[in-house]
Amino acid sequence: MAHHWSGDEWNPIAHTPTVDTSLGMHFTDLPTAALHPGTTVRFTFRWRDDGRWQGEDFARVVVSR
């Protein structure tokens, strides 16, 4: 699986591969350290098995540490 994501309303778009946990889940640490708090990160993902896109977008807001 790979995440397809952006911190700037899909311009530009980044692709970050996921890591298989062997527990039936994948995860990705998106490199958001350079993004300002309040930035909305939008993402979706594509299944490696069949190349199918998830078909919906997800969003999270960057917060300060």
PDB file of N, CA and C in Angstrom:
ATOM      1  N   MET A   1       0.852  -1.162   0.000  1.00  0.00           N
ATOM      2  CA  MET A   1       0.000   0.000   0.000  1.00  0.00           C
ATOM      3  C   MET A   1       0.905   1.234   0.000  1.00  0.00           C
ATOM      4  N   ALA A   2       0.455   2.294  -0.612  1.00  0.00           N
ATOM      5  CA  ALA A   2       1.204   3.546  -0.609  1.00  0.00           C
ATOM      6  C   ALA A   2       0.253   4.694  -0.323  1.00  0.00           C
ATOM      7  N   HIS A   3       0.712   5.631   0.498  1.00  0.00           N
ATOM      8  CA  HIS A   3      -0.086   6.828   0.757  1.00  0.00           C
ATOM      9  C   HIS A   3       0.209   7.864  -0.320  1.00  0.00           C
ATOM     10  N   HIS A   4      -0.794   8.521  -0.737  1.00  0.00           N
ATOM     11  CA  HIS A   4      -0.783   9.593  -1.727  1.00  0.00           C
ATOM     12  C   HIS A   4      -1.260  10.795  -0.914  1.00  0.00           C
ATOM     13  N   TRP A   5      -0.394  11.789  -0.672  1.00  0.00           N
ATOM     14  CA  TRP A   5      -0.762  12.828   0.274  1.00  0.00           C
ATOM     15  C   TRP A   5      -0.219  14.201  -0.100  1.00  0.00           C
ATOM     16  N   SER A   6      -0.751  15.234   0.582  1.00  0.00           N
ATOM     17  CA  SER A   6      -0.322  16.606   0.349  1.00  0.00           C
ATOM     18  C   SER A   6      -0.609  17.449   1.579  1.00  0.00           C
ATOM     19  N   GLY A   7       0.251  18.408   1.831  1.00  0.00           N
ATOM     20  CA  GLY A   7       0.022  19.391   2.883  1.00  0.00           C
ATOM     21  C   GLY A   7      -0.357  20.732   2.300  1.00  0.00           C
ATOM     22  N   ASP A   8      -0.710  20.755   1.000  1.00  0.00           N
ATOM     23  CA  ASP A   8      -1.034  22.011   0.323  1.00  0.00           C
ATOM     24  C   ASP A   8      -2.152  21.799  -0.699  1.00  0.00           C
ATOM     25  N   GLU A   9      -3.274  21.247  -0.227  1.00  0.00           N
ATOM     26  CA  GLU A   9      -4.456  21.038  -1.078  1.00  0.00           C
ATOM     27  C   GLU A   9      -4.136  20.308  -2.385  1.00  0.00           C
ATOM     28  N   TRP A  10      -3.369  19.238  -2.289  1.00  0.00           N
ATOM     29  CA  TRP A  10      -3.014  18.358  -3.404  1.00  0.00           C
ATOM     30  C   TRP A  10      -2.046  18.990  -4.409  1.00  0.00           C
ATOM     31  N   ASN A  11      -1.310  20.012  -3.992  1.00  0.00           N
ATOM     32  CA  ASN A  11      -0.342  20.621  -4.901  1.00  0.00           C
ATOM     33  C   ASN A  11       0.876  21.052  -4.103  1.00  0.00           C
ATOM     34  N   PRO A  12       1.975  20.363  -4.114  1.00  0.00           N
ATOM     35  CA  PRO A  12       2.252  19.140  -4.857  1.00  0.00           C
ATOM     36  C   PRO A  12       1.735  17.896  -4.127  1.00  0.00           C
ATOM     37  N   ILE A  13       1.833  16.773  -4.804  1.00  0.00           N
ATOM     38  CA  ILE A  13       1.413  15.493  -4.256  1.00  0.00           C
ATOM     39  C   ILE A  13       2.663  14.669  -3.945  1.00  0.00           C
ATOM     40  N   ALA A  14       2.665  14.010  -2.790  1.00  0.00           N
ATOM     41  CA  ALA A  14       3.774  13.141  -2.412  1.00  0.00           C
ATOM     42  C   ALA A  14       3.271  11.704  -2.319  1.00  0.00           C
ATOM     43  N   HIS A  15       4.155  10.768  -2.516  1.00  0.00           N
ATOM     44  CA  HIS A  15       3.832   9.343  -2.400  1.00  0.00           C
ATOM     45  C   HIS A  15       4.774   8.741  -1.362  1.00  0.00           C
ATOM     46  N   THR A  16       4.219   8.117  -0.340  1.00  0.00           N
ATOM     47  CA  THR A  16       5.013   7.519   0.718  1.00  0.00           C
ATOM     48  C   THR A  16       4.567   6.078   0.909  1.00  0.00           C
ATOM     49  N   PRO A  17       5.479   5.107   0.769  1.00  0.00           N
ATOM     50  CA  PRO A  17       5.089   3.703   0.942  1.00  0.00           C
ATOM     51  C   PRO A  17       4.724   3.405   2.392  1.00  0.00           C
ATOM     52  N   THR A  18       3.874   2.427   2.591  1.00  0.00           N
ATOM     53  CA  THR A  18       3.505   1.997   3.937  1.00  0.00           C
ATOM     54  C   THR A  18       4.395   0.842   4.377  1.00  0.00           C
ATOM     55  N   VAL A  19       4.331   0.558   5.658  1.00  0.00           N
ATOM     56  CA  VAL A  19       5.065  -0.570   6.253  1.00  0.00           C
ATOM     57  C   VAL A  19       4.030  -1.583   6.729  1.00  0.00           C
ATOM     58  N   ASP A  20       4.211  -2.830   6.346  1.00  0.00           N
ATOM     59  CA  ASP A  20       3.315  -3.899   6.765  1.00  0.00           C
ATOM     60  C   ASP A  20       3.697  -4.336   8.170  1.00  0.00           C
ATOM     61  N   THR A  21       2.749  -4.287   9.102  1.00  0.00           N
ATOM     62  CA  THR A  21       3.030  -4.660  10.492  1.00  0.00           C
ATOM     63  C   THR A  21       2.948  -6.162  10.721  1.00  0.00           C
ATOM     64  N   SER A  22       2.524  -6.937   9.734  1.00  0.00           N
ATOM     65  CA  SER A  22       2.271  -8.378   9.845  1.00  0.00           C
ATOM     66  C   SER A  22       1.086  -8.685  10.751  1.00  0.00           C
ATOM     67  N   LEU A  23       0.314  -7.659  11.110  1.00  0.00           N
ATOM     68  CA  LEU A  23      -0.878  -7.821  11.938  1.00  0.00           C
ATOM     69  C   LEU A  23      -2.144  -7.471  11.156  1.00  0.00           C
ATOM     70  N   GLY A  24      -2.000  -7.426   9.829  1.00  0.00           N
ATOM     71  CA  GLY A  24      -3.138  -7.072   8.990  1.00  0.00           C
ATOM     72  C   GLY A  24      -3.343  -5.576   8.852  1.00  0.00           C
ATOM     73  N   MET A  25      -2.357  -4.779   9.275  1.00  0.00           N
ATOM     74  CA  MET A  25      -2.420  -3.318   9.176  1.00  0.00           C
ATOM     75  C   MET A  25      -1.116  -2.794   8.585  1.00  0.00           C
ATOM     76  N   HIS A  26      -1.215  -1.661   7.941  1.00  0.00           N
ATOM     77  CA  HIS A  26      -0.056  -0.950   7.425  1.00  0.00           C
ATOM     78  C   HIS A  26      -0.019   0.419   8.096  1.00  0.00           C
ATOM     79  N   PHE A  27       1.175   1.019   8.156  1.00  0.00           N
ATOM     80  CA  PHE A  27       1.272   2.381   8.667  1.00  0.00           C
ATOM     81  C   PHE A  27       2.307   3.153   7.874  1.00  0.00           C
ATOM     82  N   THR A  28       2.216   4.481   7.975  1.00  0.00           N
ATOM     83  CA  THR A  28       3.171   5.381   7.348  1.00  0.00           C
ATOM     84  C   THR A  28       3.403   6.549   8.279  1.00  0.00           C
ATOM     85  N   ASP A  29       4.642   6.919   8.477  1.00  0.00           N
ATOM     86  CA  ASP A  29       4.967   8.158   9.173  1.00  0.00           C
ATOM     87  C   ASP A  29       5.170   9.212   8.090  1.00  0.00           C
ATOM     88  N   LEU A  30       4.207  10.109   7.963  1.00  0.00           N
ATOM     89  CA  LEU A  30       4.332  11.156   6.953  1.00  0.00           C
ATOM     90  C   LEU A  30       5.302  12.219   7.461  1.00  0.00           C
ATOM     91  N   PRO A  31       6.210  12.689   6.603  1.00  0.00           N
ATOM     92  CA  PRO A  31       7.198  13.685   7.015  1.00  0.00           C
ATOM     93  C   PRO A  31       6.576  15.087   7.096  1.00  0.00           C
ATOM     94  N   THR A  32       5.905  15.360   8.195  1.00  0.00           N
ATOM     95  CA  THR A  32       5.169  16.620   8.343  1.00  0.00           C
ATOM     96  C   THR A  32       5.899  17.652   9.195  1.00  0.00           C
ATOM     97  N   ALA A  33       7.117  17.361   9.647  1.00  0.00           N
ATOM     98  CA  ALA A  33       7.841  18.260  10.552  1.00  0.00           C
ATOM     99  C   ALA A  33       8.005  19.670   9.988  1.00  0.00           C
ATOM    100  N   ALA A  34       8.116  19.811   8.680  1.00  0.00           N
ATOM    101  CA  ALA A  34       8.317  21.125   8.072  1.00  0.00           C
ATOM    102  C   ALA A  34       7.001  21.885   7.867  1.00  0.00           C
ATOM    103  N   LEU A  35       5.874  21.229   8.123  1.00  0.00           N
ATOM    104  CA  LEU A  35       4.574  21.894   7.936  1.00  0.00           C
ATOM    105  C   LEU A  35       4.216  22.696   9.176  1.00  0.00           C
ATOM    106  N   HIS A  36       3.570  23.832   8.975  1.00  0.00           N
ATOM    107  CA  HIS A  36       3.176  24.706  10.072  1.00  0.00           C
ATOM    108  C   HIS A  36       1.956  24.147  10.804  1.00  0.00           C
ATOM    109  N   PRO A  37       1.894  24.341  12.133  1.00  0.00           N
ATOM    110  CA  PRO A  37       0.687  23.947  12.860  1.00  0.00           C
ATOM    111  C   PRO A  37      -0.546  24.584  12.218  1.00  0.00           C
ATOM    112  N   GLY A  38      -1.609  23.836  12.118  1.00  0.00           N
ATOM    113  CA  GLY A  38      -2.833  24.305  11.474  1.00  0.00           C
ATOM    114  C   GLY A  38      -2.960  23.875  10.025  1.00  0.00           C
ATOM    115  N   THR A  39      -1.858  23.376   9.439  1.00  0.00           N
ATOM    116  CA  THR A  39      -1.890  22.898   8.064  1.00  0.00           C
ATOM    117  C   THR A  39      -2.737  21.625   7.989  1.00  0.00           C
ATOM    118  N   THR A  40      -3.610  21.546   7.004  1.00  0.00           N
ATOM    119  CA  THR A  40      -4.389  20.334   6.792  1.00  0.00           C
ATOM    120  C   THR A  40      -3.643  19.421   5.844  1.00  0.00           C
ATOM    121  N   VAL A  41      -3.408  18.196   6.289  1.00  0.00           N
ATOM    122  CA  VAL A  41      -2.774  17.171   5.463  1.00  0.00           C
ATOM    123  C   VAL A  41      -3.887  16.278   4.927  1.00  0.00           C
ATOM    124  N   ARG A  42      -3.977  16.177   3.620  1.00  0.00           N
ATOM    125  CA  ARG A  42      -4.982  15.322   2.976  1.00  0.00           C
ATOM    126  C   ARG A  42      -4.287  14.101   2.408  1.00  0.00           C
ATOM    127  N   PHE A  43      -4.939  12.949   2.548  1.00  0.00           N
ATOM    128  CA  PHE A  43      -4.311  11.728   2.051  1.00  0.00           C
ATOM    129  C   PHE A  43      -5.359  10.698   1.655  1.00  0.00           C
ATOM    130  N   THR A  44      -4.915   9.781   0.819  1.00  0.00           N
ATOM    131  CA  THR A  44      -5.675   8.598   0.447  1.00  0.00           C
ATOM    132  C   THR A  44      -4.647   7.500   0.217  1.00  0.00           C
ATOM    133  N   PHE A  45      -5.066   6.334  -0.162  1.00  0.00           N
ATOM    134  CA  PHE A  45      -4.095   5.286  -0.409  1.00  0.00           C
ATOM    135  C   PHE A  45      -4.533   4.357  -1.524  1.00  0.00           C
ATOM    136  N   ARG A  46      -3.536   3.659  -2.068  1.00  0.00           N
ATOM    137  CA  ARG A  46      -3.735   2.726  -3.171  1.00  0.00           C
ATOM    138  C   ARG A  46      -3.295   1.341  -2.710  1.00  0.00           C
ATOM    139  N   TRP A  47      -4.131   0.365  -2.944  1.00  0.00           N
ATOM    140  CA  TRP A  47      -3.832  -1.018  -2.566  1.00  0.00           C
ATOM    141  C   TRP A  47      -2.834  -1.607  -3.552  1.00  0.00           C
ATOM    142  N   ARG A  48      -1.721  -2.142  -3.065  1.00  0.00           N
ATOM    143  CA  ARG A  48      -0.685  -2.708  -3.929  1.00  0.00           C
ATOM    144  C   ARG A  48      -1.168  -3.939  -4.681  1.00  0.00           C
ATOM    145  N   ASP A  49      -2.000  -4.764  -4.037  1.00  0.00           N
ATOM    146  CA  ASP A  49      -2.435  -6.028  -4.641  1.00  0.00           C
ATOM    147  C   ASP A  49      -3.053  -5.844  -6.020  1.00  0.00           C
ATOM    148  N   ASP A  50      -3.988  -4.896  -6.106  1.00  0.00           N
ATOM    149  CA  ASP A  50      -4.728  -4.743  -7.356  1.00  0.00           C
ATOM    150  C   ASP A  50      -4.658  -3.334  -7.951  1.00  0.00           C
ATOM    151  N   GLY A  51      -3.876  -2.434  -7.324  1.00  0.00           N
ATOM    152  CA  GLY A  51      -3.728  -1.085  -7.847  1.00  0.00           C
ATOM    153  C   GLY A  51      -4.955  -0.206  -7.639  1.00  0.00           C
ATOM    154  N   ARG A  52      -5.896  -0.678  -6.833  1.00  0.00           N
ATOM    155  CA  ARG A  52      -7.149   0.046  -6.601  1.00  0.00           C
ATOM    156  C   ARG A  52      -6.930   1.174  -5.594  1.00  0.00           C
ATOM    157  N   TRP A  53      -7.477   2.372  -5.923  1.00  0.00           N
ATOM    158  CA  TRP A  53      -7.444   3.497  -5.002  1.00  0.00           C
ATOM    159  C   TRP A  53      -8.552   3.340  -3.970  1.00  0.00           C
ATOM    160  N   GLN A  54      -8.341   3.871  -2.780  1.00  0.00           N
ATOM    161  CA  GLN A  54      -9.324   3.785  -1.713  1.00  0.00           C
ATOM    162  C   GLN A  54     -10.645   4.436  -2.110  1.00  0.00           C
ATOM    163  N   GLY A  55     -10.590   5.504  -2.898  1.00  0.00           N
ATOM    164  CA  GLY A  55     -11.817   6.128  -3.396  1.00  0.00           C
ATOM    165  C   GLY A  55     -12.369   7.207  -2.485  1.00  0.00           C
ATOM    166  N   GLU A  56     -11.619   7.585  -1.462  1.00  0.00           N
ATOM    167  CA  GLU A  56     -12.012   8.702  -0.610  1.00  0.00           C
ATOM    168  C   GLU A  56     -10.757   9.343  -0.030  1.00  0.00           C
ATOM    169  N   ASP A  57     -10.867  10.606   0.327  1.00  0.00           N
ATOM    170  CA  ASP A  57      -9.763  11.336   0.937  1.00  0.00           C
ATOM    171  C   ASP A  57      -9.988  11.418   2.439  1.00  0.00           C
ATOM    172  N   PHE A  58      -8.891  11.500   3.168  1.00  0.00           N
ATOM    173  CA  PHE A  58      -8.910  11.670   4.609  1.00  0.00           C
ATOM    174  C   PHE A  58      -8.126  12.937   4.920  1.00  0.00           C
ATOM    175  N   ALA A  59      -8.367  13.554   6.071  1.00  0.00           N
ATOM    176  CA  ALA A  59      -7.661  14.789   6.419  1.00  0.00           C
ATOM    177  C   ALA A  59      -7.338  14.808   7.909  1.00  0.00           C
ATOM    178  N   ARG A  60      -6.178  15.353   8.232  1.00  0.00           N
ATOM    179  CA  ARG A  60      -5.747  15.575   9.610  1.00  0.00           C
ATOM    180  C   ARG A  60      -5.072  16.931   9.660  1.00  0.00           C
ATOM    181  N   VAL A  61      -5.171  17.596  10.797  1.00  0.00           N
ATOM    182  CA  VAL A  61      -4.550  18.906  10.979  1.00  0.00           C
ATOM    183  C   VAL A  61      -3.271  18.740  11.778  1.00  0.00           C
ATOM    184  N   VAL A  62      -2.190  19.398  11.307  1.00  0.00           N
ATOM    185  CA  VAL A  62      -0.910  19.368  11.994  1.00  0.00           C
ATOM    186  C   VAL A  62      -1.019  20.212  13.258  1.00  0.00           C
ATOM    187  N   VAL A  63      -0.541  19.680  14.369  1.00  0.00           N
ATOM    188  CA  VAL A  63      -0.500  20.428  15.632  1.00  0.00           C
ATOM    189  C   VAL A  63       0.939  20.533  16.091  1.00  0.00           C
ATOM    190  N   SER A  64       1.220  21.485  16.961  1.00  0.00           N
ATOM    191  CA  SER A  64       2.587  21.634  17.476  1.00  0.00           C
ATOM    192  C   SER A  64       2.845  20.594  18.553  1.00  0.00           C
ATOM    193  N   ARG A  65       4.097  20.317  18.794  1.00  0.00           N
ATOM    194  CA  ARG A  65       4.453  19.327  19.826  1.00  0.00           C
ATOM    195  C   ARG A  65       4.319  19.914  21.195  1.00  0.00           C
TER     196      ARG A  65
END
